[in-house]
Amino acid sequence: MDRLDQKLEVAGRACATLIELVSRPYGDAVVTRDATILRFVYSFETTWKAAQRVLNLYESIDVATPRAVIQSCWKAGLLNDEQAEQIMAMITDRNLTVHAYDEKLAVELATRIPAHAALLGFWLTALRNRVGREQKP
């Protein structure tokens, strides 16, 4: 398995675990909420890094930060204006996760994560489509 396939596979597994968790009702369960926040972090990280690799190999774009990767994905047509804007906002939430010990902030983050999960799934599908890889079940 080459590095791109590996990055797409890891991102796919990460996003699948996030989507599986946000599809469950968790009410006020702090442990589940915190697990959701953690899964969001690693799903975001693996997805932007897979996007970075796709951009490098298929678009000859060499960028090193999440913001630059998102902007380049938008320019390459992998994301539309609204999606790129929403993923840029997702970076803020990703950065806020280090403060999830703050109960109010953790609750706010958790309410936004289902939308983030759906968008990460879309982004990953767009990456796979760009490189001609079928999504594995």
C-alpha atoms as a PDB file:
ATOM      1  CA  MET A   1       0.000   0.000   0.000  1.00  0.00           C
ATOM      2  CA  ASP A   2       1.531   3.342  -0.989  1.00  0.00           C
ATOM      3  CA  ARG A   3       1.515   6.408   1.258  1.00  0.00           C
ATOM      4  CA  LEU A   4      -1.517   7.976  -0.410  1.00  0.00           C
ATOM      5  CA  ASP A   5      -3.585   4.808  -0.112  1.00  0.00           C
ATOM      6  CA  GLN A   6      -2.497   4.523   3.506  1.00  0.00           C
ATOM      7  CA  LYS A   7      -3.435   8.139   4.286  1.00  0.00           C
ATOM      8  CA  LEU A   8      -6.838   7.756   2.623  1.00  0.00           C
ATOM      9  CA  GLU A   9      -7.435   4.482   4.464  1.00  0.00           C
ATOM     10  CA  VAL A  10      -6.495   5.948   7.854  1.00  0.00           C
ATOM     11  CA  ALA A  11      -8.638   9.039   7.251  1.00  0.00           C
ATOM     12  CA  GLY A  12     -11.535   6.844   6.154  1.00  0.00           C
ATOM     13  CA  ARG A  13     -11.348   4.719   9.288  1.00  0.00           C
ATOM     14  CA  ALA A  14     -11.061   7.811  11.489  1.00  0.00           C
ATOM     15  CA  CYS A  15     -14.067   9.487   9.879  1.00  0.00           C
ATOM     16  CA  ALA A  16     -16.073   6.268  10.085  1.00  0.00           C
ATOM     17  CA  THR A  17     -15.488   6.077  13.847  1.00  0.00           C
ATOM     18  CA  LEU A  18     -16.570   9.706  14.226  1.00  0.00           C
ATOM     19  CA  ILE A  19     -19.687   9.283  12.101  1.00  0.00           C
ATOM     20  CA  GLU A  20     -20.587   6.107  13.989  1.00  0.00           C
ATOM     21  CA  LEU A  21     -20.311   7.902  17.318  1.00  0.00           C
ATOM     22  CA  VAL A  22     -22.237  11.053  16.343  1.00  0.00           C
ATOM     23  CA  SER A  23     -25.060   8.900  15.015  1.00  0.00           C
ATOM     24  CA  ARG A  24     -25.675   7.622  18.558  1.00  0.00           C
ATOM     25  CA  PRO A  25     -27.708   9.672  20.993  1.00  0.00           C
ATOM     26  CA  TYR A  26     -25.534  10.481  23.977  1.00  0.00           C
ATOM     27  CA  GLY A  27     -27.516  13.055  25.872  1.00  0.00           C
ATOM     28  CA  ASP A  28     -25.467  14.276  28.808  1.00  0.00           C
ATOM     29  CA  ALA A  29     -22.953  11.434  28.873  1.00  0.00           C
ATOM     30  CA  VAL A  30     -19.669  13.248  29.421  1.00  0.00           C
ATOM     31  CA  VAL A  31     -17.499  10.310  28.434  1.00  0.00           C
ATOM     32  CA  THR A  32     -19.271   9.905  25.098  1.00  0.00           C
ATOM     33  CA  ARG A  33     -19.112  13.642  24.455  1.00  0.00           C
ATOM     34  CA  ASP A  34     -15.403  13.689  25.204  1.00  0.00           C
ATOM     35  CA  ALA A  35     -14.831  10.656  22.980  1.00  0.00           C
ATOM     36  CA  THR A  36     -16.688  12.469  20.200  1.00  0.00           C
ATOM     37  CA  ILE A  37     -14.402  15.481  20.587  1.00  0.00           C
ATOM     38  CA  LEU A  38     -11.318  13.275  20.441  1.00  0.00           C
ATOM     39  CA  ARG A  39     -12.584  11.441  17.371  1.00  0.00           C
ATOM     40  CA  PHE A  40     -13.259  14.800  15.722  1.00  0.00           C
ATOM     41  CA  VAL A  41      -9.646  15.831  16.337  1.00  0.00           C
ATOM     42  CA  TYR A  42      -8.090  12.752  14.791  1.00  0.00           C
ATOM     43  CA  SER A  43     -10.601  12.691  11.939  1.00  0.00           C
ATOM     44  CA  PHE A  44      -9.792  16.286  11.060  1.00  0.00           C
ATOM     45  CA  GLU A  45      -6.042  15.664  11.318  1.00  0.00           C
ATOM     46  CA  THR A  46      -6.033  12.560   9.148  1.00  0.00           C
ATOM     47  CA  THR A  47      -8.323  14.115   6.532  1.00  0.00           C
ATOM     48  CA  TRP A  48      -6.340  17.308   6.019  1.00  0.00           C
ATOM     49  CA  LYS A  49      -3.122  15.295   5.840  1.00  0.00           C
ATOM     50  CA  ALA A  50      -4.648  12.989   3.211  1.00  0.00           C
ATOM     51  CA  ALA A  51      -5.748  16.107   1.311  1.00  0.00           C
ATOM     52  CA  GLN A  52      -2.208  17.444   1.551  1.00  0.00           C
ATOM     53  CA  ARG A  53      -0.891  14.257  -0.079  1.00  0.00           C
ATOM     54  CA  VAL A  54      -3.543  14.316  -2.834  1.00  0.00           C
ATOM     55  CA  LEU A  55      -2.711  17.928  -3.621  1.00  0.00           C
ATOM     56  CA  ASN A  56       0.974  17.114  -3.792  1.00  0.00           C
ATOM     57  CA  LEU A  57       0.619  14.074  -6.046  1.00  0.00           C
ATOM     58  CA  TYR A  58      -2.301  15.068  -8.279  1.00  0.00           C
ATOM     59  CA  GLU A  59      -2.191  18.864  -8.359  1.00  0.00           C
ATOM     60  CA  SER A  60       1.565  19.467  -7.854  1.00  0.00           C
ATOM     61  CA  ILE A  61       0.729  21.716  -4.906  1.00  0.00           C
ATOM     62  CA  ASP A  62       3.036  21.596  -1.910  1.00  0.00           C
ATOM     63  CA  VAL A  63       1.435  23.186   1.160  1.00  0.00           C
ATOM     64  CA  ALA A  64       2.134  22.541   4.817  1.00  0.00           C
ATOM     65  CA  THR A  65      -0.689  23.902   6.964  1.00  0.00           C
ATOM     66  CA  PRO A  66      -4.359  22.976   7.300  1.00  0.00           C
ATOM     67  CA  ARG A  67      -5.467  26.437   6.124  1.00  0.00           C
ATOM     68  CA  ALA A  68      -3.252  26.280   3.046  1.00  0.00           C
ATOM     69  CA  VAL A  69      -4.481  22.751   2.282  1.00  0.00           C
ATOM     70  CA  ILE A  70      -8.125  23.822   2.524  1.00  0.00           C
ATOM     71  CA  GLN A  71      -7.553  26.877   0.350  1.00  0.00           C
ATOM     72  CA  SER A  72      -5.732  24.720  -2.207  1.00  0.00           C
ATOM     73  CA  CYS A  73      -8.534  22.142  -2.186  1.00  0.00           C
ATOM     74  CA  TRP A  74     -10.972  24.962  -2.905  1.00  0.00           C
ATOM     75  CA  LYS A  75      -8.815  26.260  -5.772  1.00  0.00           C
ATOM     76  CA  ALA A  76      -8.493  22.712  -7.150  1.00  0.00           C
ATOM     77  CA  GLY A  77     -12.282  22.307  -7.151  1.00  0.00           C
ATOM     78  CA  LEU A  78     -12.407  19.700  -4.405  1.00  0.00           C
ATOM     79  CA  LEU A  79     -14.471  22.014  -2.206  1.00  0.00           C
ATOM     80  CA  ASN A  80     -16.977  24.716  -3.084  1.00  0.00           C
ATOM     81  CA  ASP A  81     -16.963  28.169  -1.448  1.00  0.00           C
ATOM     82  CA  GLU A  82     -19.321  27.229   1.370  1.00  0.00           C
ATOM     83  CA  GLN A  83     -17.546  23.970   2.167  1.00  0.00           C
ATOM     84  CA  ALA A  84     -14.136  25.635   2.234  1.00  0.00           C
ATOM     85  CA  GLU A  85     -15.483  28.334   4.539  1.00  0.00           C
ATOM     86  CA  GLN A  86     -17.045  25.757   6.858  1.00  0.00           C
ATOM     87  CA  ILE A  87     -13.846  23.703   7.005  1.00  0.00           C
ATOM     88  CA  MET A  88     -11.859  26.865   7.770  1.00  0.00           C
ATOM     89  CA  ALA A  89     -14.235  27.431  10.688  1.00  0.00           C
ATOM     90  CA  MET A  90     -13.697  23.796  11.659  1.00  0.00           C
ATOM     91  CA  ILE A  91     -10.032  24.620  12.274  1.00  0.00           C
ATOM     92  CA  THR A  92     -11.110  26.985  15.036  1.00  0.00           C
ATOM     93  CA  ASP A  93     -13.109  24.210  16.683  1.00  0.00           C
ATOM     94  CA  ARG A  94     -10.179  21.823  16.280  1.00  0.00           C
ATOM     95  CA  ASN A  95      -7.936  24.342  18.054  1.00  0.00           C
ATOM     96  CA  LEU A  96     -10.503  24.844  20.817  1.00  0.00           C
ATOM     97  CA  THR A  97     -10.543  21.143  21.659  1.00  0.00           C
ATOM     98  CA  VAL A  98      -7.497  21.584  23.892  1.00  0.00           C
ATOM     99  CA  HIS A  99      -9.839  23.529  26.186  1.00  0.00           C
ATOM    100  CA  ALA A 100     -12.521  20.822  26.314  1.00  0.00           C
ATOM    101  CA  TYR A 101     -12.040  20.673  30.077  1.00  0.00           C
ATOM    102  CA  ASP A 102     -14.265  23.786  30.089  1.00  0.00           C
ATOM    103  CA  GLU A 103     -17.718  22.214  30.364  1.00  0.00           C
ATOM    104  CA  LYS A 104     -19.555  24.984  28.508  1.00  0.00           C
ATOM    105  CA  LEU A 105     -17.065  24.939  25.634  1.00  0.00           C
ATOM    106  CA  ALA A 106     -17.129  21.132  25.426  1.00  0.00           C
ATOM    107  CA  VAL A 107     -20.919  21.177  25.095  1.00  0.00           C
ATOM    108  CA  GLU A 108     -20.735  23.857  22.381  1.00  0.00           C
ATOM    109  CA  LEU A 109     -18.103  21.909  20.461  1.00  0.00           C
ATOM    110  CA  ALA A 110     -20.069  18.682  20.714  1.00  0.00           C
ATOM    111  CA  THR A 111     -23.158  20.311  19.195  1.00  0.00           C
ATOM    112  CA  ARG A 112     -21.164  21.338  16.092  1.00  0.00           C
ATOM    113  CA  ILE A 113     -19.341  18.034  15.571  1.00  0.00           C
ATOM    114  CA  PRO A 114     -22.134  16.148  13.726  1.00  0.00           C
ATOM    115  CA  ALA A 115     -22.060  18.785  10.966  1.00  0.00           C
ATOM    116  CA  HIS A 116     -18.260  18.649  10.959  1.00  0.00           C
ATOM    117  CA  ALA A 117     -18.380  14.849  10.622  1.00  0.00           C
ATOM    118  CA  ALA A 118     -20.639  15.053   7.582  1.00  0.00           C
ATOM    119  CA  LEU A 119     -18.386  17.636   5.949  1.00  0.00           C
ATOM    120  CA  LEU A 120     -15.239  15.619   6.671  1.00  0.00           C
ATOM    121  CA  GLY A 121     -16.933  12.625   5.051  1.00  0.00           C
ATOM    122  CA  PHE A 122     -17.750  14.692   1.971  1.00  0.00           C
ATOM    123  CA  TRP A 123     -14.188  16.040   1.773  1.00  0.00           C
ATOM    124  CA  LEU A 124     -12.742  12.546   2.002  1.00  0.00           C
ATOM    125  CA  THR A 125     -15.084  11.327  -0.745  1.00  0.00           C
ATOM    126  CA  ALA A 126     -13.997  14.242  -2.957  1.00  0.00           C
ATOM    127  CA  LEU A 127     -10.358  13.294  -2.369  1.00  0.00           C
ATOM    128  CA  ARG A 128     -11.015   9.663  -3.241  1.00  0.00           C
ATOM    129  CA  ASN A 129     -12.889  10.684  -6.361  1.00  0.00           C
ATOM    130  CA  ARG A 130     -10.013  12.897  -7.467  1.00  0.00           C
ATOM    131  CA  VAL A 131      -7.570  10.023  -7.335  1.00  0.00           C
ATOM    132  CA  GLY A 132     -10.009   7.441  -8.673  1.00  0.00           C
ATOM    133  CA  ARG A 133     -10.143   5.346  -5.505  1.00  0.00           C
ATOM    134  CA  GLU A 134     -13.407   3.669  -4.629  1.00  0.00           C
ATOM    135  CA  GLN A 135     -14.647   4.107  -1.100  1.00  0.00           C
ATOM    136  CA  LYS A 136     -14.205   0.888   0.831  1.00  0.00           C
ATOM    137  CA  PRO A 137     -17.163  -0.267   2.947  1.00  0.00           C
END
